PDB file of all heavy atoms in Angstrom:
ATOM      1  N   VAL A   1     -21.479-125.076-103.701  1.00  0.00           N
ATOM      2  CA  VAL A   1     -20.227-124.398-103.390  1.00  0.00           C
ATOM      3  C   VAL A   1     -19.086-125.356-103.700  1.00  0.00           C
ATOM      4  O   VAL A   1     -18.436-125.912-102.818  1.00  0.00           O
ATOM      5  CB  VAL A   1     -20.181-123.936-101.923  1.00  0.00           C
ATOM      6  CG1 VAL A   1     -18.948-123.066-101.677  1.00  0.00           C
ATOM      7  CG2 VAL A   1     -21.439-123.157-101.568  1.00  0.00           C
ATOM      8  N   ASP A   2     -18.860-125.545-104.973  1.00  0.00           N
ATOM      9  CA  ASP A   2     -17.880-126.538-105.444  1.00  0.00           C
ATOM     10  C   ASP A   2     -16.822-125.806-106.258  1.00  0.00           C
ATOM     11  O   ASP A   2     -16.636-126.049-107.435  1.00  0.00           O
ATOM     12  CB  ASP A   2     -18.590-127.595-106.299  1.00  0.00           C
ATOM     13  CG  ASP A   2     -17.677-128.761-106.647  1.00  0.00           C
ATOM     14  OD1 ASP A   2     -16.604-128.867-106.039  1.00  0.00           O
ATOM     15  OD2 ASP A   2     -18.035-129.545-107.537  1.00  0.00           O
ATOM     16  N   TYR A   3     -16.102-124.888-105.590  1.00  0.00           N
ATOM     17  CA  TYR A   3     -15.204-123.998-106.319  1.00  0.00           C
ATOM     18  C   TYR A   3     -13.890-124.650-106.706  1.00  0.00           C
ATOM     19  O   TYR A   3     -13.181-124.167-107.582  1.00  0.00           O
ATOM     20  CB  TYR A   3     -14.922-122.738-105.490  1.00  0.00           C
ATOM     21  CG  TYR A   3     -14.172-122.996-104.202  1.00  0.00           C
ATOM     22  CD1 TYR A   3     -12.799-122.807-104.118  1.00  0.00           C
ATOM     23  CD2 TYR A   3     -14.845-123.419-103.065  1.00  0.00           C
ATOM     24  CE1 TYR A   3     -12.127-123.045-102.944  1.00  0.00           C
ATOM     25  CE2 TYR A   3     -14.184-123.652-101.892  1.00  0.00           C
ATOM     26  CZ  TYR A   3     -12.815-123.462-101.823  1.00  0.00           C
ATOM     27  OH  TYR A   3     -12.140-123.716-100.662  1.00  0.00           O
ATOM     28  N   GLN A   4     -13.495-125.732-106.054  1.00  0.00           N
ATOM     29  CA  GLN A   4     -12.257-126.430-106.406  1.00  0.00           C
ATOM     30  C   GLN A   4     -12.485-127.940-106.434  1.00  0.00           C
ATOM     31  O   GLN A   4     -11.606-128.716-106.075  1.00  0.00           O
ATOM     32  CB  GLN A   4     -11.140-126.086-105.414  1.00  0.00           C
ATOM     33  CG  GLN A   4     -10.623-124.660-105.533  1.00  0.00           C
ATOM     34  CD  GLN A   4      -9.493-124.373-104.556  1.00  0.00           C
ATOM     35  OE1 GLN A   4      -9.235-125.129-103.631  1.00  0.00           O
ATOM     36  NE2 GLN A   4      -8.813-123.260-104.758  1.00  0.00           N
ATOM     37  N   GLU A   5     -13.677-128.324-106.853  1.00  0.00           N
ATOM     38  CA  GLU A   5     -14.058-129.729-106.861  1.00  0.00           C
ATOM     39  C   GLU A   5     -13.775-130.373-105.506  1.00  0.00           C
ATOM     40  O   GLU A   5     -13.158-131.421-105.393  1.00  0.00           O
ATOM     41  CB  GLU A   5     -13.329-130.483-107.977  1.00  0.00           C
ATOM     42  CG  GLU A   5     -13.703-130.000-109.370  1.00  0.00           C
ATOM     43  CD  GLU A   5     -13.082-130.834-110.466  1.00  0.00           C
ATOM     44  OE1 GLU A   5     -12.316-131.752-110.138  1.00  0.00           O
ATOM     45  OE2 GLU A   5     -13.383-130.573-111.642  1.00  0.00           O
ATOM     46  N   MET A   6     -14.227-129.692-104.475  1.00  0.00           N
ATOM     47  CA  MET A   6     -13.997-130.183-103.124  1.00  0.00           C
ATOM     48  C   MET A   6     -14.735-131.504-102.911  1.00  0.00           C
ATOM     49  O   MET A   6     -15.904-131.625-103.252  1.00  0.00           O
ATOM     50  CB  MET A   6     -14.455-129.153-102.094  1.00  0.00           C
ATOM     51  CG  MET A   6     -13.636-127.878-102.089  1.00  0.00           C
ATOM     52  SD  MET A   6     -14.135-126.771-100.763  1.00  0.00           S
ATOM     53  CE  MET A   6     -15.809-126.387-101.232  1.00  0.00           C
ATOM     54  N   LYS A   7     -14.054-132.443-102.328  1.00  0.00           N
ATOM     55  CA  LYS A   7     -14.632-133.762-102.094  1.00  0.00           C
ATOM     56  C   LYS A   7     -14.554-134.114-100.605  1.00  0.00           C
ATOM     57  O   LYS A   7     -13.842-133.496 -99.834  1.00  0.00           O
ATOM     58  CB  LYS A   7     -13.888-134.823-102.913  1.00  0.00           C
ATOM     59  CG  LYS A   7     -13.808-134.538-104.408  1.00  0.00           C
ATOM     60  CD  LYS A   7     -15.188-134.480-105.054  1.00  0.00           C
ATOM     61  CE  LYS A   7     -15.090-134.194-106.547  1.00  0.00           C
ATOM     62  NZ  LYS A   7     -16.415-134.048-107.174  1.00  0.00           N
ATOM     63  N   ASN A   8     -15.315-135.123-100.252  1.00  0.00           N
ATOM     64  CA  ASN A   8     -15.262-135.701 -98.908  1.00  0.00           C
ATOM     65  C   ASN A   8     -15.614-134.697 -97.808  1.00  0.00           C
ATOM     66  O   ASN A   8     -15.064-134.760 -96.707  1.00  0.00           O
ATOM     67  CB  ASN A   8     -13.879-136.307 -98.633  1.00  0.00           C
ATOM     68  CG  ASN A   8     -13.502-137.362 -99.642  1.00  0.00           C
ATOM     69  OD1 ASN A   8     -14.333-138.186-100.030  1.00  0.00           O
ATOM     70  ND2 ASN A   8     -12.254-137.330-100.082  1.00  0.00           N
ATOM     71  N   LEU A   9     -16.525-133.789 -98.103  1.00  0.00           N
ATOM     72  CA  LEU A   9     -17.020-132.881 -97.079  1.00  0.00           C
ATOM     73  C   LEU A   9     -18.338-133.430 -96.560  1.00  0.00           C
ATOM     74  O   LEU A   9     -19.257-133.697 -97.330  1.00  0.00           O
ATOM     75  CB  LEU A   9     -17.213-131.473 -97.652  1.00  0.00           C
ATOM     76  CG  LEU A   9     -15.949-130.727 -98.055  1.00  0.00           C
ATOM     77  CD1 LEU A   9     -16.301-129.381 -98.661  1.00  0.00           C
ATOM     78  CD2 LEU A   9     -15.010-130.540 -96.871  1.00  0.00           C
ATOM     79  N   GLY A  10     -18.428-133.561 -95.250  1.00  0.00           N
ATOM     80  CA  GLY A  10     -19.602-134.197 -94.684  1.00  0.00           C
ATOM     81  C   GLY A  10     -20.605-133.260 -94.052  1.00  0.00           C
ATOM     82  O   GLY A  10     -21.685-133.686 -93.642  1.00  0.00           O
ATOM     83  N   SER A  11     -20.265-131.962 -93.949  1.00  0.00           N
ATOM     84  CA  SER A  11     -21.176-131.035 -93.289  1.00  0.00           C
ATOM     85  C   SER A  11     -20.916-129.614 -93.757  1.00  0.00           C
ATOM     86  O   SER A  11     -19.885-129.314 -94.371  1.00  0.00           O
ATOM     87  CB  SER A  11     -20.990-131.101 -91.765  1.00  0.00           C
ATOM     88  OG  SER A  11     -19.720-130.574 -91.400  1.00  0.00           O
ATOM     89  N   LEU A  12     -21.859-128.731 -93.438  1.00  0.00           N
ATOM     90  CA  LEU A  12     -21.693-127.329 -93.791  1.00  0.00           C
ATOM     91  C   LEU A  12     -20.580-126.691 -92.972  1.00  0.00           C
ATOM     92  O   LEU A  12     -19.892-125.780 -93.444  1.00  0.00           O
ATOM     93  CB  LEU A  12     -23.007-126.585 -93.573  1.00  0.00           C
ATOM     94  CG  LEU A  12     -24.202-127.081 -94.391  1.00  0.00           C
ATOM     95  CD1 LEU A  12     -25.429-126.215 -94.126  1.00  0.00           C
ATOM     96  CD2 LEU A  12     -23.874-127.100 -95.883  1.00  0.00           C
ATOM     97  N   GLU A  13     -20.400-127.163 -91.745  1.00  0.00           N
ATOM     98  CA  GLU A  13     -19.297-126.648 -90.927  1.00  0.00           C
ATOM     99  C   GLU A  13     -17.947-126.967 -91.565  1.00  0.00           C
ATOM    100  O   GLU A  13     -17.042-126.122 -91.593  1.00  0.00           O
ATOM    101  CB  GLU A  13     -19.363-127.248 -89.517  1.00  0.00           C
ATOM    102  CG  GLU A  13     -20.515-126.759 -88.665  1.00  0.00           C
ATOM    103  CD  GLU A  13     -21.815-127.537 -88.902  1.00  0.00           C
ATOM    104  OE1 GLU A  13     -21.842-128.420 -89.794  1.00  0.00           O
ATOM    105  OE2 GLU A  13     -22.793-127.263 -88.200  1.00  0.00           O
ATOM    106  N   GLU A  14     -17.814-128.174 -92.098  1.00  0.00           N
ATOM    107  CA  GLU A  14     -16.574-128.552 -92.782  1.00  0.00           C
ATOM    108  C   GLU A  14     -16.375-127.703 -94.036  1.00  0.00           C
ATOM    109  O   GLU A  14     -15.240-127.316 -94.353  1.00  0.00           O
ATOM    110  CB  GLU A  14     -16.605-130.029 -93.154  1.00  0.00           C
ATOM    111  CG  GLU A  14     -16.466-130.978 -91.983  1.00  0.00           C
ATOM    112  CD  GLU A  14     -16.439-132.425 -92.437  1.00  0.00           C
ATOM    113  OE1 GLU A  14     -15.955-132.695 -93.551  1.00  0.00           O
ATOM    114  OE2 GLU A  14     -16.923-133.290 -91.669  1.00  0.00           O
ATOM    115  N   LEU A  15     -17.449-127.425 -94.754  1.00  0.00           N
ATOM    116  CA  LEU A  15     -17.357-126.591 -95.939  1.00  0.00           C
ATOM    117  C   LEU A  15     -16.830-125.203 -95.589  1.00  0.00           C
ATOM    118  O   LEU A  15     -15.920-124.683 -96.247  1.00  0.00           O
ATOM    119  CB  LEU A  15     -18.737-126.471 -96.597  1.00  0.00           C
ATOM    120  CG  LEU A  15     -18.890-125.404 -97.681  1.00  0.00           C
ATOM    121  CD1 LEU A  15     -17.990-125.685 -98.875  1.00  0.00           C
ATOM    122  CD2 LEU A  15     -20.346-125.286 -98.117  1.00  0.00           C
ATOM    123  N   ALA A  16     -17.407-124.588 -94.551  1.00  0.00           N
ATOM    124  CA  ALA A  16     -16.988-123.246 -94.151  1.00  0.00           C
ATOM    125  C   ALA A  16     -15.522-123.235 -93.739  1.00  0.00           C
ATOM    126  O   ALA A  16     -14.760-122.337 -94.125  1.00  0.00           O
ATOM    127  CB  ALA A  16     -17.867-122.735 -93.011  1.00  0.00           C
ATOM    128  N   GLN A  17     -15.104-124.224 -92.967  1.00  0.00           N
ATOM    129  CA  GLN A  17     -13.718-124.275 -92.513  1.00  0.00           C
ATOM    130  C   GLN A  17     -12.763-124.505 -93.676  1.00  0.00           C
ATOM    131  O   GLN A  17     -11.690-123.899 -93.748  1.00  0.00           O
ATOM    132  CB  GLN A  17     -13.546-125.365 -91.463  1.00  0.00           C
ATOM    133  CG  GLN A  17     -12.188-125.328 -90.765  1.00  0.00           C
ATOM    134  CD  GLN A  17     -11.957-124.013 -90.045  1.00  0.00           C
ATOM    135  OE1 GLN A  17     -12.779-123.592 -89.218  1.00  0.00           O
ATOM    136  NE2 GLN A  17     -10.863-123.337 -90.376  1.00  0.00           N
ATOM    137  N   ARG A  18     -13.137-125.372 -94.617  1.00  0.00           N
ATOM    138  CA  ARG A  18     -12.287-125.635 -95.776  1.00  0.00           C
ATOM    139  C   ARG A  18     -12.119-124.359 -96.614  1.00  0.00           C
ATOM    140  O   ARG A  18     -11.029-124.081 -97.117  1.00  0.00           O
ATOM    141  CB  ARG A  18     -12.897-126.743 -96.626  1.00  0.00           C
ATOM    142  CG  ARG A  18     -12.155-127.032 -97.935  1.00  0.00           C
ATOM    143  CD  ARG A  18     -10.866-127.801 -97.724  1.00  0.00           C
ATOM    144  NE  ARG A  18     -11.158-129.136 -97.239  1.00  0.00           N
ATOM    145  CZ  ARG A  18     -11.498-130.159 -98.037  1.00  0.00           C
ATOM    146  NH1 ARG A  18     -11.560-129.986 -99.355  1.00  0.00           N
ATOM    147  NH2 ARG A  18     -11.735-131.337 -97.510  1.00  0.00           N
ATOM    148  N   PHE A  19     -13.197-123.611 -96.779  1.00  0.00           N
ATOM    149  CA  PHE A  19     -13.135-122.377 -97.566  1.00  0.00           C
ATOM    150  C   PHE A  19     -12.135-121.399 -96.948  1.00  0.00           C
ATOM    151  O   PHE A  19     -11.296-120.818 -97.654  1.00  0.00           O
ATOM    152  CB  PHE A  19     -14.524-121.748 -97.639  1.00  0.00           C
ATOM    153  CG  PHE A  19     -14.622-120.554 -98.540  1.00  0.00           C
ATOM    154  CD1 PHE A  19     -14.789-120.713 -99.908  1.00  0.00           C
ATOM    155  CD2 PHE A  19     -14.552-119.266 -98.029  1.00  0.00           C
ATOM    156  CE1 PHE A  19     -14.877-119.616-100.755  1.00  0.00           C
ATOM    157  CE2 PHE A  19     -14.645-118.159 -98.867  1.00  0.00           C
ATOM    158  CZ  PHE A  19     -14.803-118.336-100.226  1.00  0.00           C
ATOM    159  N   ILE A  20     -12.217-121.218 -95.626  1.00  0.00           N
ATOM    160  CA  ILE A  20     -11.295-120.308 -94.930  1.00  0.00           C
ATOM    161  C   ILE A  20      -9.867-120.837 -95.001  1.00  0.00           C
ATOM    162  O   ILE A  20      -8.918-120.090 -95.273  1.00  0.00           O
ATOM    163  CB  ILE A  20     -11.726-120.123 -93.471  1.00  0.00           C
ATOM    164  CG1 ILE A  20     -13.119-119.485 -93.396  1.00  0.00           C
ATOM    165  CG2 ILE A  20     -10.700-119.273 -92.724  1.00  0.00           C
ATOM    166  CD1 ILE A  20     -13.225-118.102 -94.001  1.00  0.00           C
ATOM    167  N   ASP A  21      -9.694-122.128 -94.774  1.00  0.00           N
ATOM    168  CA  ASP A  21      -8.348-122.725 -94.810  1.00  0.00           C
ATOM    169  C   ASP A  21      -7.715-122.585 -96.186  1.00  0.00           C
ATOM    170  O   ASP A  21      -6.514-122.281 -96.301  1.00  0.00           O
ATOM    171  CB  ASP A  21      -8.412-124.204 -94.423  1.00  0.00           C
ATOM    172  CG  ASP A  21      -8.730-124.417 -92.950  1.00  0.00           C
ATOM    173  OD1 ASP A  21      -8.648-123.444 -92.183  1.00  0.00           O
ATOM    174  OD2 ASP A  21      -9.069-125.560 -92.584  1.00  0.00           O
ATOM    175  N   ASP A  22      -8.498-122.795 -97.243  1.00  0.00           N
ATOM    176  CA  ASP A  22      -7.964-122.692 -98.600  1.00  0.00           C
ATOM    177  C   ASP A  22      -7.540-121.265 -98.910  1.00  0.00           C
ATOM    178  O   ASP A  22      -6.518-121.032 -99.563  1.00  0.00           O
ATOM    179  CB  ASP A  22      -9.007-123.164 -99.621  1.00  0.00           C
ATOM    180  CG  ASP A  22      -9.160-124.678 -99.632  1.00  0.00           C
ATOM    181  OD1 ASP A  22      -8.358-125.363 -98.976  1.00  0.00           O
ATOM    182  OD2 ASP A  22     -10.083-125.170-100.315  1.00  0.00           O
ATOM    183  N   TYR A  23      -8.340-120.309 -98.447  1.00  0.00           N
ATOM    184  CA  TYR A  23      -7.957-118.912 -98.671  1.00  0.00           C
ATOM    185  C   TYR A  23      -6.651-118.585 -97.950  1.00  0.00           C
ATOM    186  O   TYR A  23      -5.751-117.950 -98.529  1.00  0.00           O
ATOM    187  CB  TYR A  23      -9.052-117.969 -98.186  1.00  0.00           C
ATOM    188  CG  TYR A  23      -8.589-116.529 -98.143  1.00  0.00           C
ATOM    189  CD1 TYR A  23      -8.525-115.767 -99.300  1.00  0.00           C
ATOM    190  CD2 TYR A  23      -8.166-115.949 -96.939  1.00  0.00           C
ATOM    191  CE1 TYR A  23      -8.073-114.456 -99.277  1.00  0.00           C
ATOM    192  CE2 TYR A  23      -7.699-114.648 -96.911  1.00  0.00           C
ATOM    193  CZ  TYR A  23      -7.655-113.903 -98.072  1.00  0.00           C
ATOM    194  OH  TYR A  23      -7.193-112.615 -98.049  1.00  0.00           O
ATOM    195  N   GLU A  24      -6.542-118.979 -96.684  1.00  0.00           N
ATOM    196  CA  GLU A  24      -5.353-118.645 -95.907  1.00  0.00           C
ATOM    197  C   GLU A  24      -4.115-119.329 -96.471  1.00  0.00           C
ATOM    198  O   GLU A  24      -3.018-118.755 -96.469  1.00  0.00           O
ATOM    199  CB  GLU A  24      -5.570-119.002 -94.443  1.00  0.00           C
ATOM    200  CG  GLU A  24      -6.647-118.119 -93.791  1.00  0.00           C
ATOM    201  CD  GLU A  24      -6.791-118.342 -92.304  1.00  0.00           C
ATOM    202  OE1 GLU A  24      -6.331-119.388 -91.811  1.00  0.00           O
ATOM    203  OE2 GLU A  24      -7.360-117.458 -91.624  1.00  0.00           O
ATOM    204  N   ALA A  25      -4.278-120.541 -96.976  1.00  0.00           N
ATOM    205  CA  ALA A  25      -3.145-121.223 -97.607  1.00  0.00           C
ATOM    206  C   ALA A  25      -2.722-120.489 -98.870  1.00  0.00           C
ATOM    207  O   ALA A  25      -1.516-120.328 -99.144  1.00  0.00           O
ATOM    208  CB  ALA A  25      -3.518-122.670 -97.935  1.00  0.00           C
ATOM    209  N   SER A  26      -3.690-120.007 -99.640  1.00  0.00           N
ATOM    210  CA  SER A  26      -3.385-119.260-100.857  1.00  0.00           C
ATOM    211  C   SER A  26      -2.729-117.923-100.535  1.00  0.00           C
ATOM    212  O   SER A  26      -1.773-117.499-101.197  1.00  0.00           O
ATOM    213  CB  SER A  26      -4.670-119.031-101.656  1.00  0.00           C
ATOM    214  OG  SER A  26      -4.427-118.268-102.812  1.00  0.00           O
ATOM    215  N   ALA A  27      -3.242-117.233 -99.498  1.00  0.00           N
ATOM    216  CA  ALA A  27      -2.682-115.944 -99.106  1.00  0.00           C
ATOM    217  C   ALA A  27      -1.247-116.089 -98.585  1.00  0.00           C
ATOM    218  O   ALA A  27      -0.411-115.206 -98.796  1.00  0.00           O
ATOM    219  CB  ALA A  27      -3.561-115.297 -98.042  1.00  0.00           C
ATOM    220  N   GLU A  28      -0.969-117.195 -97.918  1.00  0.00           N
ATOM    221  CA  GLU A  28       0.383-117.436 -97.410  1.00  0.00           C
ATOM    222  C   GLU A  28       1.350-117.750 -98.545  1.00  0.00           C
ATOM    223  O   GLU A  28       2.502-117.308 -98.541  1.00  0.00           O
ATOM    224  CB  GLU A  28       0.372-118.587 -96.404  1.00  0.00           C
ATOM    225  CG  GLU A  28       1.728-118.870 -95.779  1.00  0.00           C
ATOM    226  CD  GLU A  28       1.676-119.965 -94.738  1.00  0.00           C
ATOM    227  OE1 GLU A  28       0.550-120.411 -94.385  1.00  0.00           O
ATOM    228  OE2 GLU A  28       2.751-120.398 -94.285  1.00  0.00           O
ATOM    229  N   GLU A  29       0.877-118.519 -99.521  1.00  0.00           N
ATOM    230  CA  GLU A  29       1.741-118.899-100.641  1.00  0.00           C
ATOM    231  C   GLU A  29       1.967-117.731-101.599  1.00  0.00           C
ATOM    232  O   GLU A  29       3.053-117.596-102.185  1.00  0.00           O
ATOM    233  CB  GLU A  29       1.120-120.065-101.393  1.00  0.00           C
ATOM    234  CG  GLU A  29       1.990-120.606-102.517  1.00  0.00           C
ATOM    235  CD  GLU A  29       1.401-121.843-103.165  1.00  0.00           C
ATOM    236  OE1 GLU A  29       0.327-122.303-102.729  1.00  0.00           O
ATOM    237  OE2 GLU A  29       2.030-122.351-104.119  1.00  0.00           O
TER     238      GLU A  29
END
């Protein structure tokens, strides 16, 4: 799950949260 060359993720929980955060940031912008 490397859709934006995500780096420095240490767990699956961090991956899930980053995915949601990136979407919400995109939807806001």
